[in-house]
Amino acid sequence: MEVLRDAGGGTRSPPPIFVIGCPRSGTTLLRLILDSHPGISCGPETHFLSAFARIVERHWSRISQYGFDKEYWLERIAGFFSSFQGEDAARRDKKRWADKTPAYTLHLDFVDALFPTARYVHILRDPHDVVASHLERWGWKRAWSAIRL
């Protein structure tokens, strides 16, 4: 497992891994493969960061009234997210966490601001196959919306 050292010589956690892409593109299969690794924990989709991104974007005028700059809030959000991901990984005796939430593809600026050293695995699948998978799984309305994605 990768051991990283900070400027003071201490150890720090390896950067998180984010699996992104369109739903029905193979991200779940990759999540399961990563989670089977003895050192990587990759749990189910959280969608938390998408929600936090919308809160920060839409309600910044309210949040900023507390007098803290955006960096303060980003550090707190990253800390919260890292804490439960890290605790889950540690409980499973793993050193690194990964997150598979395809919706984060639409919020990469926000995720990157939270985790500037993160590694991304972007799954690309032929769009025709993605739409066909949506059609088979959820019907024509969902397949039609997948075309827009």
Foldseek 3Di string as FASTA:
>chain_A
DDWDADPVRHTDAAFEEEEAEAPPQCLVVVLVVQCVDLAEHEDAADCVLVVVVCCCVVPVVVVCVVVDDPLVVLQVVLVVVCVVQCVVSVVSPHRYYYYYDHVCVVVVVSVCSNGVNYHYDYGDHPLVSSLVVCCVPPRDVRSVVSVVD
